[in-house]
Protein backbone atom coordinates (compact mmCIF):
# COMPACT_ATOMS: atom_id res chain seq x y z
CA UNK A 1 -20.49 33.72 9.98
CA UNK A 2 -17.14 33.08 7.35
CA UNK A 3 -16.53 35.04 5.11
CA UNK A 4 -16.24 33.37 1.64
CA UNK A 5 -13.02 33.90 -0.28
CA UNK A 6 -12.89 35.08 -4.39
CA UNK A 7 -11.66 31.95 -6.36
CA UNK A 8 -9.39 32.24 -8.25
CA UNK A 9 -9.62 31.01 -12.18
CA UNK A 10 -7.66 27.34 -12.41
CA UNK A 11 -7.03 24.92 -14.76
CA UNK A 12 -7.19 21.68 -12.87
CA UNK A 13 -5.56 18.29 -15.32
CA UNK A 14 -7.35 14.69 -14.21
CA UNK A 15 -5.78 11.39 -15.42
CA UNK A 16 -8.76 9.40 -15.13
CA UNK A 17 -8.21 5.58 -13.32
CA UNK A 18 -4.65 6.58 -12.38
CA UNK A 19 -3.30 4.05 -10.10
CA UNK A 20 -4.32 1.75 -13.13
CA UNK A 21 -2.43 4.13 -15.20
CA UNK A 22 0.82 3.94 -12.88
CA UNK A 23 0.42 0.09 -12.37
CA UNK A 24 0.99 -0.10 -15.55
CA UNK A 25 3.98 2.06 -16.50
CA UNK A 26 5.45 -0.39 -14.22
CA UNK A 27 4.71 -3.77 -15.32
CA UNK A 28 4.45 -5.38 -18.46
CA UNK A 29 0.31 -5.84 -18.29
CA UNK A 30 -0.65 -5.41 -21.11
CA UNK A 31 -3.11 -2.39 -21.13
CA UNK A 32 -6.42 -3.99 -22.70
CA UNK A 33 -6.47 -6.72 -19.93
CA UNK A 34 -9.20 -5.84 -17.24
CA UNK A 35 -7.48 -5.04 -14.23
CA UNK A 36 -8.24 -4.38 -10.43
CA UNK A 37 -6.37 -2.30 -7.93
CA UNK A 38 -6.77 -4.26 -4.42
CA UNK A 39 -6.18 -3.03 -0.67
CA UNK A 40 -7.41 -4.73 2.42
CA UNK A 41 -9.10 -7.23 0.07
CA UNK A 42 -11.08 -4.77 -1.92
CA UNK A 43 -11.11 -3.34 -5.34
CA UNK A 44 -10.23 0.48 -4.84
CA UNK A 45 -8.90 0.71 -8.81
CA UNK A 46 -10.58 -0.88 -11.68
CA UNK A 47 -9.69 -0.25 -15.47
CA UNK A 48 -11.94 0.37 -18.11
CA UNK A 49 -11.74 -3.11 -19.10
CA UNK A 50 -12.63 -4.36 -15.91
CA UNK A 51 -15.31 -1.77 -15.54
CA UNK A 52 -17.10 -3.16 -18.73
CA UNK A 53 -17.27 -7.00 -16.71
CA UNK A 54 -19.27 -5.51 -13.54
CA UNK A 55 -16.00 -4.66 -11.50
CA UNK A 56 -16.89 -2.35 -9.56
CA UNK A 57 -14.88 -0.05 -6.66
CA UNK A 58 -15.72 -1.46 -3.44
CA UNK A 59 -16.41 -5.25 -4.45
CA UNK A 60 -14.39 -8.05 -2.41
CA UNK A 61 -11.55 -9.82 -4.68
CA UNK A 62 -13.83 -13.17 -4.86
CA UNK A 63 -16.31 -11.42 -6.21
CA UNK A 64 -14.54 -9.08 -8.19
CA UNK A 65 -12.87 -12.63 -10.13
CA UNK A 66 -16.61 -14.09 -10.12
CA UNK A 67 -17.87 -11.45 -12.84
CA UNK A 68 -14.42 -11.67 -14.06
CA UNK A 69 -12.58 -14.70 -14.69
CA UNK A 70 -9.64 -13.03 -16.82
CA UNK A 71 -9.03 -10.33 -13.72
CA UNK A 72 -6.05 -9.25 -13.47
CA UNK A 73 -5.27 -8.45 -9.50
CA UNK A 74 -2.41 -5.70 -8.62
CA UNK A 75 -2.08 -4.47 -5.15
CA UNK A 76 -2.56 -1.24 -4.51
CA UNK A 77 0.77 1.00 -4.09
CA UNK A 78 0.19 4.58 -3.48
CA UNK A 79 3.59 5.27 -3.24
CA UNK A 80 4.18 3.88 -7.06
CA UNK A 81 0.83 6.29 -8.64
CA UNK A 82 2.88 8.53 -6.64
CA UNK A 83 6.76 8.29 -8.21
CA UNK A 84 5.13 7.61 -11.91
CA UNK A 85 3.42 11.06 -11.26
CA UNK A 86 6.32 12.86 -10.64
CA UNK A 87 8.03 13.36 -14.02
CA UNK A 88 4.38 14.17 -15.22
CA UNK A 89 4.27 17.17 -12.87
CA UNK A 90 7.49 18.36 -13.88
CA UNK A 91 6.61 18.66 -17.43
CA UNK A 92 3.80 20.92 -16.77
CA UNK A 93 6.16 22.76 -15.04
CA UNK A 94 8.18 23.34 -17.91
CA UNK A 95 5.64 24.71 -19.72
CA UNK A 96 4.19 26.92 -16.95
CA UNK A 97 5.14 27.72 -13.42
CA UNK A 98 3.39 26.62 -9.97
CA UNK A 99 1.73 23.26 -10.40
CA UNK A 100 -0.31 22.41 -7.51
CA UNK A 101 -0.39 18.67 -6.65
CA UNK A 102 -3.34 17.81 -5.32
CA UNK A 103 -2.95 13.76 -5.07
CA UNK A 104 -1.51 11.56 -7.22
CA UNK A 105 -3.24 12.19 -10.97
CA UNK A 106 -4.27 15.82 -9.98
CA UNK A 107 -2.66 18.96 -10.48
CA UNK A 108 -4.15 22.83 -10.57
CA UNK A 109 -2.65 25.75 -12.14
CA UNK A 110 -3.31 29.35 -12.30
CA UNK A 111 -5.24 30.23 -15.51
CA UNK A 112 -3.81 33.98 -15.73
CA UNK A 113 -0.35 33.45 -16.92
CA UNK A 114 -1.07 30.43 -18.91
CA UNK A 115 -3.88 31.66 -20.93
CA UNK A 116 -1.45 34.82 -21.60
CA UNK A 117 0.60 32.50 -23.12
CA UNK A 118 -0.87 30.45 -25.35
CA UNK A 119 -3.49 33.00 -26.00
CA UNK A 120 -6.46 31.90 -24.16
CA UNK A 121 -8.30 29.15 -21.73
CA UNK A 122 -9.33 26.22 -23.78
CA UNK A 123 -5.37 26.59 -25.71
CA UNK A 124 -3.86 26.64 -23.08
CA UNK A 125 -5.60 23.41 -21.46
CA UNK A 126 -5.28 22.03 -24.64
CA UNK A 127 -1.83 22.31 -24.64
CA UNK A 128 -1.25 20.76 -21.17
CA UNK A 129 -3.55 18.11 -22.31
CA UNK A 130 -1.84 17.21 -25.08
CA UNK A 131 1.69 17.14 -22.96
CA UNK A 132 0.41 14.55 -20.33
CA UNK A 133 -0.89 12.44 -23.30
CA UNK A 134 2.64 12.45 -24.70
CA UNK A 135 4.10 10.91 -21.40
CA UNK A 136 1.34 8.26 -20.68
CA UNK A 137 -0.89 10.31 -18.69
CA UNK A 138 -3.40 7.95 -20.00
CA UNK A 139 -7.29 9.57 -20.51
CA UNK A 140 -6.50 13.05 -19.80
CA UNK A 141 -9.17 15.76 -19.37
CA UNK A 142 -8.92 19.48 -18.13
CA UNK A 143 -11.71 21.14 -16.02
CA UNK A 144 -11.72 25.42 -15.94
CA UNK A 145 -13.32 27.02 -13.70
CA UNK A 146 -13.41 29.79 -10.57
CA UNK A 147 -11.71 27.53 -8.12
CA UNK A 148 -10.00 24.26 -7.26
CA UNK A 149 -13.39 22.07 -6.30
CA UNK A 150 -15.61 23.73 -9.20
CA UNK A 151 -12.93 23.21 -11.93
CA UNK A 152 -11.74 19.63 -10.48
CA UNK A 153 -15.61 18.60 -10.88
CA UNK A 154 -15.60 20.33 -14.16
CA UNK A 155 -12.56 18.02 -15.49
CA UNK A 156 -14.30 14.95 -14.04
CA UNK A 157 -17.60 15.25 -16.12
CA UNK A 158 -16.57 16.83 -19.27
CA UNK A 159 -17.94 15.05 -21.99
CA UNK A 160 -15.03 16.58 -24.59
CA UNK A 161 -10.79 16.87 -23.97
CA UNK A 162 -11.19 20.44 -21.96
CA UNK A 163 -14.66 21.47 -20.18
CA UNK A 164 -14.60 25.24 -19.79
CA UNK A 165 -17.34 26.92 -17.13
CA UNK A 166 -17.75 30.66 -17.31
CA UNK A 167 -16.14 33.16 -15.07
CA UNK A 168 -18.95 33.92 -12.67
CA UNK A 169 -21.13 30.63 -13.28
CA UNK A 170 -19.86 27.99 -11.03
CA UNK A 171 -22.70 28.16 -9.10
CA UNK A 172 -24.87 27.46 -12.10
CA UNK A 173 -22.75 24.52 -12.84
CA UNK A 174 -22.49 23.07 -9.75
CA UNK A 175 -26.39 23.67 -8.75
CA UNK A 176 -27.64 20.24 -10.78
CA UNK A 177 -24.58 17.98 -8.63
CA UNK A 178 -25.61 15.85 -6.61
CA UNK A 179 -24.91 16.82 -3.15
CA UNK A 180 -23.01 13.52 -2.11
CA UNK A 181 -19.97 15.05 -4.61
CA UNK A 182 -19.49 16.93 -1.25
CA UNK A 183 -17.46 14.00 -0.18
CA UNK A 184 -15.26 14.79 -2.93
CA UNK A 185 -14.15 17.90 -2.25
CA UNK A 186 -11.39 19.32 0.13
CA UNK A 187 -13.90 19.28 3.77
CA UNK A 188 -12.89 16.02 5.36
CA UNK A 189 -15.60 13.65 7.42
CA UNK A 190 -18.22 15.14 5.78
CA UNK A 191 -20.79 11.71 5.09
CA UNK A 192 -22.84 12.48 8.11
CA UNK A 193 -23.87 15.78 6.87
CA UNK A 194 -24.43 14.65 3.68
CA UNK A 195 -26.48 11.76 4.89
CA UNK A 196 -28.77 14.35 7.06
CA UNK A 197 -28.86 16.50 3.91
CA UNK A 198 -30.34 13.58 1.84
CA UNK A 199 -32.93 12.67 4.73
CA UNK A 200 -33.97 16.36 4.60
CA UNK A 201 -34.89 15.96 1.18
CA UNK A 202 -31.86 18.22 -0.17
CA UNK A 203 -30.53 15.72 -3.17
CA UNK A 204 -28.39 18.97 -4.85
CA UNK A 205 -25.99 21.19 -4.73
CA UNK A 206 -28.31 24.26 -5.92
CA UNK A 207 -31.15 23.37 -3.09
CA UNK A 208 -28.64 23.34 -0.38
CA UNK A 209 -26.72 26.61 -1.38
CA UNK A 210 -30.11 28.04 -1.34
CA UNK A 211 -30.35 27.87 2.40
CA UNK A 212 -29.43 30.57 4.52
CA UNK A 213 -26.29 30.64 5.49
CA UNK A 214 -27.17 31.58 9.05
CA UNK A 215 -29.17 28.35 9.43
CA UNK A 216 -27.07 26.39 7.96
CA UNK A 217 -24.07 27.71 10.54
CA UNK A 218 -26.33 27.41 13.09
CA UNK A 219 -27.12 23.62 12.88
CA UNK A 220 -24.15 22.46 11.17
CA UNK A 221 -21.44 24.97 12.40
CA UNK A 222 -18.78 26.40 10.46
CA UNK A 223 -18.09 22.73 8.75
CA UNK A 224 -21.52 22.61 7.09
CA UNK A 225 -20.61 27.01 6.82
CA UNK A 226 -17.43 25.53 4.39
CA UNK A 227 -19.71 22.48 2.50
CA UNK A 228 -22.22 25.47 1.49
CA UNK A 229 -19.75 27.78 -0.15
CA UNK A 230 -18.48 25.73 -1.91
CA UNK A 231 -21.93 24.52 -3.16
CA UNK A 232 -22.80 28.04 -3.97
CA UNK A 233 -19.42 28.15 -5.80
CA UNK A 234 -17.94 31.08 -3.87
CA UNK A 235 -15.46 29.10 -1.82
CA UNK A 236 -11.95 27.59 -2.25
CA UNK A 237 -8.55 27.14 -1.14
CA UNK A 238 -5.05 28.77 -2.44
CA UNK A 239 -3.08 26.87 -4.40
CA UNK A 240 0.21 25.78 -3.19
CA UNK A 241 2.94 25.20 -6.00
CA UNK A 242 5.15 22.22 -4.56
CA UNK A 243 8.45 23.01 -3.58
CA UNK A 244 11.03 20.76 -5.98
CA UNK A 245 13.60 18.98 -3.56
CA UNK A 246 17.05 18.86 -4.48
CA UNK A 247 17.78 15.76 -6.47
CA UNK A 248 19.86 13.74 -4.13
CA UNK A 249 19.09 10.42 -6.19
CA UNK A 250 22.22 8.56 -7.36
CA UNK A 251 22.04 7.45 -10.91
CA UNK A 252 24.90 5.79 -12.36
CA UNK A 253 25.40 5.05 -16.23
CA UNK A 254 27.48 2.33 -17.39
CA UNK A 255 28.48 1.83 -21.47
CA UNK A 256 28.95 -0.72 -22.37
CA UNK A 257 26.53 -2.62 -20.49
CA UNK A 258 28.34 -4.59 -17.69
CA UNK A 259 27.90 -8.04 -17.29
CA UNK A 260 29.06 -8.75 -13.87
CA UNK A 261 27.29 -8.51 -10.43
CA UNK A 262 30.80 -7.21 -8.88
CA UNK A 263 31.23 -4.48 -11.81
CA UNK A 264 28.11 -2.92 -10.97
CA UNK A 265 28.80 -2.93 -7.30
CA UNK A 266 32.06 -1.63 -7.55
CA UNK A 267 30.88 1.13 -10.13
CA UNK A 268 28.32 2.59 -7.70
CA UNK A 269 31.19 2.86 -5.37
CA UNK A 270 31.45 6.58 -5.63
CA UNK A 271 28.13 7.48 -5.98
CA UNK A 272 26.85 5.60 -3.10
CA UNK A 273 28.79 7.93 -0.85
CA UNK A 274 28.04 11.11 -2.07
CA UNK A 275 24.14 9.96 -1.96
CA UNK A 276 25.04 9.15 2.17
CA UNK A 277 26.54 12.39 2.48
CA UNK A 278 24.13 14.88 0.66
CA UNK A 279 21.47 13.26 2.53
CA UNK A 280 24.28 14.28 6.29
CA UNK A 281 24.47 17.46 4.82
CA UNK A 282 20.36 17.87 4.96
CA UNK A 283 20.74 16.71 8.37
CA UNK A 284 18.87 13.59 7.31
CA UNK A 285 19.53 9.55 7.29
CA UNK A 286 17.99 7.38 4.75
CA UNK A 287 15.72 4.56 6.31
CA UNK A 288 14.34 3.06 2.95
CA UNK A 289 15.65 3.45 -0.54
CA UNK A 290 14.35 2.12 -4.39
CA UNK A 291 16.67 0.96 -6.37
CA UNK A 292 16.11 0.72 -9.95
CA UNK A 293 18.26 -1.40 -12.30
CA UNK A 294 18.20 -0.89 -16.43
CA UNK A 295 19.12 -3.70 -19.29
CA UNK A 296 20.97 -3.01 -22.45
CA UNK A 297 17.83 -4.51 -23.99
CA UNK A 298 14.85 -2.14 -22.29
CA UNK A 299 14.14 -3.90 -19.07
CA UNK A 300 14.11 -2.37 -15.70
CA UNK A 301 13.31 -3.92 -12.15
CA UNK A 302 12.71 -1.63 -9.60
CA UNK A 303 12.65 -2.97 -5.08
CA UNK A 304 12.62 -0.96 -2.22
CA UNK A 305 14.99 -1.56 0.29
CA UNK A 306 14.50 -1.18 4.06
CA UNK A 307 16.73 -0.70 7.04
CA UNK A 308 16.02 -1.33 10.48
CA UNK A 309 18.36 1.84 11.30
CA UNK A 310 19.26 4.06 8.83
CA UNK A 311 22.14 3.46 5.67
CA UNK A 312 25.56 3.77 4.93
CA UNK A 313 27.10 3.75 1.37
CA UNK A 314 28.19 -0.10 1.94
CA UNK A 315 24.42 -0.53 2.74
CA UNK A 316 23.59 0.66 -0.20
CA UNK A 317 25.53 -0.98 -2.41
CA UNK A 318 25.19 -4.50 -1.01
CA UNK A 319 21.70 -3.33 -2.25
CA UNK A 320 22.56 -3.26 -5.11
CA UNK A 321 24.48 -6.50 -5.69
CA UNK A 322 21.62 -7.97 -4.15
CA UNK A 323 19.09 -6.38 -6.74
CA UNK A 324 21.60 -7.19 -9.67
CA UNK A 325 21.91 -11.09 -8.71
CA UNK A 326 18.30 -11.45 -8.33
CA UNK A 327 16.94 -9.96 -11.62
CA UNK A 328 16.42 -11.61 -14.99
CA UNK A 329 17.62 -9.93 -16.96
CA UNK A 330 18.80 -10.80 -20.30
CA UNK A 331 21.60 -8.70 -21.15
CA UNK A 332 24.17 -6.52 -19.27
CA UNK A 333 22.90 -3.55 -16.95
CA UNK A 334 23.41 -0.16 -17.95
CA UNK A 335 21.80 2.35 -15.44
CA UNK A 336 21.66 2.00 -11.80
CA UNK A 337 19.34 4.96 -9.62
CA UNK A 338 19.00 4.91 -6.08
CA UNK A 339 16.78 7.46 -5.10
CA UNK A 340 15.10 7.86 -0.77
CA UNK A 341 12.33 6.10 -0.54
CA UNK A 342 12.13 7.39 3.22
CA UNK A 343 14.36 9.58 5.66
CA UNK A 344 14.54 10.56 8.95
CA UNK A 345 15.86 13.39 11.10
CA UNK A 346 19.93 12.63 11.99
CA UNK A 347 19.80 12.89 15.50
CA UNK A 348 17.05 10.06 16.16
CA UNK A 349 19.79 8.15 14.75
CA UNK A 350 22.20 8.78 17.36
CA UNK A 351 24.01 5.92 19.30
CA UNK A 352 22.87 6.08 23.27
CA UNK A 353 25.49 7.16 25.47
CA UNK A 354 24.89 4.45 28.01
CA UNK A 355 24.77 1.94 25.19
CA UNK A 356 21.31 2.42 24.17
CA UNK A 357 22.36 2.04 20.57
CA UNK A 358 22.22 -1.26 18.51
CA UNK A 359 25.76 -3.30 18.92
CA UNK A 360 27.60 -2.47 15.36
CA UNK A 361 29.56 -4.94 15.76
CA UNK A 362 26.71 -7.89 15.86
CA UNK A 363 25.29 -5.62 12.30
CA UNK A 364 29.14 -5.75 10.52
CA UNK A 365 28.77 -8.85 11.48
CA UNK A 366 25.65 -10.69 10.05
CA UNK A 367 25.85 -7.63 6.83
CA UNK A 368 29.04 -9.60 6.32
CA UNK A 369 27.36 -12.48 6.26
CA UNK A 370 24.65 -11.47 4.27
CA UNK A 371 27.36 -9.96 1.15
CA UNK A 372 29.01 -13.62 1.28
CA UNK A 373 25.82 -15.99 1.10
CA UNK A 374 23.51 -13.22 0.29
CA UNK A 375 20.61 -11.42 1.15
CA UNK A 376 18.17 -14.73 2.81
CA UNK A 377 20.84 -16.41 4.18
CA UNK A 378 20.43 -14.14 7.60
CA UNK A 379 16.96 -14.10 8.38
CA UNK A 380 14.96 -13.36 11.61
CA UNK A 381 11.64 -14.58 13.52
CA UNK A 382 8.71 -11.67 13.55
CA UNK A 383 5.09 -12.49 14.59
CA UNK A 384 2.39 -11.76 13.01
CA UNK A 385 -1.36 -12.50 13.17
CA UNK A 386 -2.79 -15.57 12.02
CA UNK A 387 -5.05 -18.50 14.02
CA UNK A 388 -2.76 -21.40 14.27
CA UNK A 389 1.00 -21.54 15.80
CA UNK A 390 2.42 -21.43 12.32
CA UNK A 391 0.64 -19.29 10.75
CA UNK A 392 2.17 -16.32 13.12
CA UNK A 393 5.82 -16.92 12.46
CA UNK A 394 7.54 -15.83 9.85
CA UNK A 395 11.10 -15.04 8.84
CA UNK A 396 12.43 -12.17 7.18
CA UNK A 397 15.91 -11.25 6.14
CA UNK A 398 18.15 -9.22 8.54
CA UNK A 399 18.20 -5.40 7.79
CA UNK A 400 14.58 -5.66 5.89
CA UNK A 401 11.67 -4.58 8.27
CA UNK A 402 8.64 -6.63 8.33
CA UNK A 403 5.97 -5.59 6.00
CA UNK A 404 3.11 -7.07 4.55
CA UNK A 405 2.13 -9.41 7.74
CA UNK A 406 -1.36 -10.30 9.25
CA UNK A 407 -2.33 -7.45 12.20
CA UNK A 408 -2.04 -8.95 15.16
CA UNK A 409 -4.49 -7.58 16.73
CA UNK A 410 -7.19 -8.58 14.76
CA UNK A 411 -9.59 -10.87 16.28
CA UNK A 412 -8.85 -14.11 14.10
CA UNK A 413 -11.55 -16.73 15.67
CA UNK A 414 -10.40 -19.67 17.07
CA UNK A 415 -6.50 -18.22 17.94
CA UNK A 416 -4.96 -20.01 20.46
CA UNK A 417 -4.91 -18.04 23.61
CA UNK A 418 -1.95 -17.19 25.88
CA UNK A 419 -0.33 -18.48 27.53
CA UNK A 420 1.46 -20.06 24.50
CA UNK A 421 4.07 -22.76 24.13
CA UNK A 422 7.36 -21.93 23.60
CA UNK A 423 8.61 -25.19 21.22
CA UNK A 424 6.47 -24.88 17.74
CA UNK A 425 6.84 -27.82 15.90
CA UNK A 426 7.49 -27.32 12.37
CA UNK A 427 6.76 -29.02 10.80
CA UNK A 428 4.51 -30.76 13.33
CA UNK A 429 5.14 -34.13 14.27
CA UNK A 430 2.92 -36.93 13.48
CA UNK A 431 1.66 -38.77 16.76
CA UNK A 432 -1.29 -41.31 17.78
CA UNK A 433 -3.22 -41.06 20.82
CA UNK A 434 -4.83 -44.02 21.96
CA UNK A 435 -7.70 -44.57 24.60
CA UNK A 436 -7.25 -46.45 27.76
CA UNK A 437 -8.33 -49.93 25.80
CA UNK A 438 -5.57 -48.39 23.14
CA UNK A 439 -8.20 -47.52 20.67
CA UNK A 440 -7.47 -44.52 18.34
CA UNK A 441 -9.24 -41.38 20.30
CA UNK A 442 -11.19 -39.63 17.73
CA UNK A 443 -13.98 -36.77 17.82
CA UNK A 444 -17.77 -36.49 16.56
CA UNK A 445 -18.65 -33.85 14.45
CA UNK A 446 -20.48 -31.61 17.50
CA UNK A 447 -17.23 -31.83 19.22
CA UNK A 448 -18.02 -35.29 21.45
CA UNK A 449 -14.18 -37.02 22.56
CA UNK A 450 -14.96 -41.16 22.06
CA UNK A 451 -12.55 -41.48 25.13
CA UNK A 452 -10.75 -39.81 27.27
CA UNK A 453 -6.73 -39.95 25.81
CA UNK A 454 -4.45 -41.24 27.80
CA UNK A 455 -1.42 -42.27 26.12
CA UNK A 456 0.29 -40.37 23.33
CA UNK A 457 2.95 -42.24 21.25
CA UNK A 458 5.49 -40.47 18.89
CA UNK A 459 8.18 -42.48 16.94
CA UNK A 460 9.07 -44.90 19.38
CA UNK A 461 8.43 -42.99 22.42
CA UNK A 462 5.30 -43.46 24.22
CA UNK A 463 4.17 -41.28 26.79
CA UNK A 464 1.53 -41.46 29.72
CA UNK A 465 -1.58 -38.42 29.41
CA UNK A 466 -2.29 -37.09 33.19
CA UNK A 467 -4.53 -34.64 32.28
CA UNK A 468 -6.21 -33.22 29.09
CA UNK A 469 -8.13 -30.32 27.75
CA UNK A 470 -10.48 -29.57 24.86
CA UNK A 471 -11.87 -30.25 22.30
CA UNK A 472 -11.70 -26.37 20.42
CA UNK A 473 -12.49 -26.31 17.13
CA UNK A 474 -10.93 -24.50 14.29
CA UNK A 475 -12.97 -23.82 11.23
CA UNK A 476 -10.75 -21.62 8.40
CA UNK A 477 -12.42 -20.58 5.11
CA UNK A 478 -15.83 -22.36 6.07
CA UNK A 479 -16.96 -20.38 3.09
CA UNK A 480 -14.73 -21.07 0.74
CA UNK A 481 -15.96 -25.70 -0.17
CA UNK A 482 -12.81 -26.16 -1.72
CA UNK A 483 -10.47 -24.82 0.63
CA UNK A 484 -12.01 -25.90 4.06
CA UNK A 485 -10.88 -27.11 7.03
CA UNK A 486 -11.71 -27.82 10.12
CA UNK A 487 -9.14 -29.34 13.36
CA UNK A 488 -9.66 -30.27 17.05
CA UNK A 489 -7.22 -28.50 19.60
CA UNK A 490 -6.61 -29.93 22.72
CA UNK A 491 -3.93 -29.00 25.13
CA UNK A 492 -2.81 -32.48 27.37
CA UNK A 493 0.19 -32.59 30.17
CA UNK A 494 2.37 -35.71 30.03
CA UNK A 495 3.49 -37.64 33.60
CA UNK A 496 6.50 -35.38 33.44
CA UNK A 497 4.42 -32.54 34.08
CA UNK A 498 5.41 -31.19 30.23
CA UNK A 499 2.50 -29.36 28.09
CA UNK A 500 1.75 -30.84 25.13
CA UNK A 501 -0.88 -28.58 22.02
CA UNK A 502 -1.89 -31.58 19.93
CA UNK A 503 -4.34 -30.90 16.81
CA UNK A 504 -6.48 -33.60 15.15
CA UNK A 505 -7.46 -33.31 11.87
CA UNK A 506 -8.76 -34.97 8.67
CA UNK A 507 -5.14 -36.70 7.97
CA UNK A 508 -4.84 -37.25 11.90
CA UNK A 509 -3.15 -36.68 15.29
CA UNK A 510 -0.36 -34.27 15.27
CA UNK A 511 1.58 -32.42 17.89
CA UNK A 512 1.90 -28.97 17.20
CA UNK A 513 3.57 -27.43 19.67
CA UNK A 514 5.13 -27.86 23.43
CA UNK A 515 4.78 -25.80 26.58
CA UNK A 516 8.56 -26.09 27.79
């Protein structure tokens, strides 16, 4: 049997709708606008205005937009949540030490020291809440209770700014709550246990806590025993204050503001060198950086830059130059901040002894071309997911890792199977495919071919077809009539032995690719 730890009295600070608050902080969207944060086509979070229109977590984007025609859709960014929350945590640490970040938007502190300094639990909680509200934390609530689990539930269900559960009364507070709140706790993968408990007629934490701990552990094992302790208000986990890392950001302020991009890049040279040297001193290299530019008019422009290997000072300066060139500022640049967004151990990026490392000459040569002509001047291919060959092809700038590509391993019904053609025509080549009588070959709605194709003409060139296979239908977005399309795919071989991928759609015949 697992002995329950004595819960520590804590204050949990909860910033409601934090993903929405973080998105507003990093954009120019009006706070009154209905906003939905989307991840993989599903609503992950919605603002109060959007919820008023019926938008709920878990809806598909199309259904959410049908419920709220003015809905502002924003891609969810977990890194943005953490970045925006970090200054708020630093501000709380100025008021009371030992802040534990549970996740972006929720943090916890020990009651004892804060209550002694501010003259009680409620004054301490109100002081912390006021500080978060001043810094743009949005709708902030605090819960004070025995243990993090109980305190967080108190904060989430608070009807006023601070909800205090008296010491020793955690079980009374938790008892009436639905058993489903255990899925919000620290124990992972408990959906199966919660579902089974509901089927057994146990719908509240009080009913679950009333069960014999021995029976619970016999039926559900250590995981069930931990959930039983949480339900009874007897278990928690210790506060682990965050360890604040050394600040290695490269920050440069310009006074007066600079109008020329080359001036900004030159002003970053020493800061970029110190930035990389500080990382190397910690035996780290940076594979992604966050560059933030601020203008004299109060505008800001942020972008994350990736690197296929690791950044050098010259690479950092190039990214600052490219971003400054693309930023649509109405005034000069007054501040540049470069922060490490992803780091790795330096030993993972050493050049191979036998030439296995990347060719430095190629990298520096292409980077030089980018420095002269712009970041998008050198592109390399990347393969993504999709049904058509053109959909799968993508070009990314040299030095960037491909992001946002559709998963190649997804089912993609109707995609062309291997082996794939070597030459893909972009754009597709228009052709004429005729039968033995010279009539255009067509396909009926049920896939019946009007006659065998025997000849293909492209411009002034005519090829005799000696073999063919198909048709295979490709139906795209059939659920959206205004965007739906249907085409028929054929494979054919001409008299020279060359294979062709042909497509027939509403606009006619096309040569999409060639099997070389």
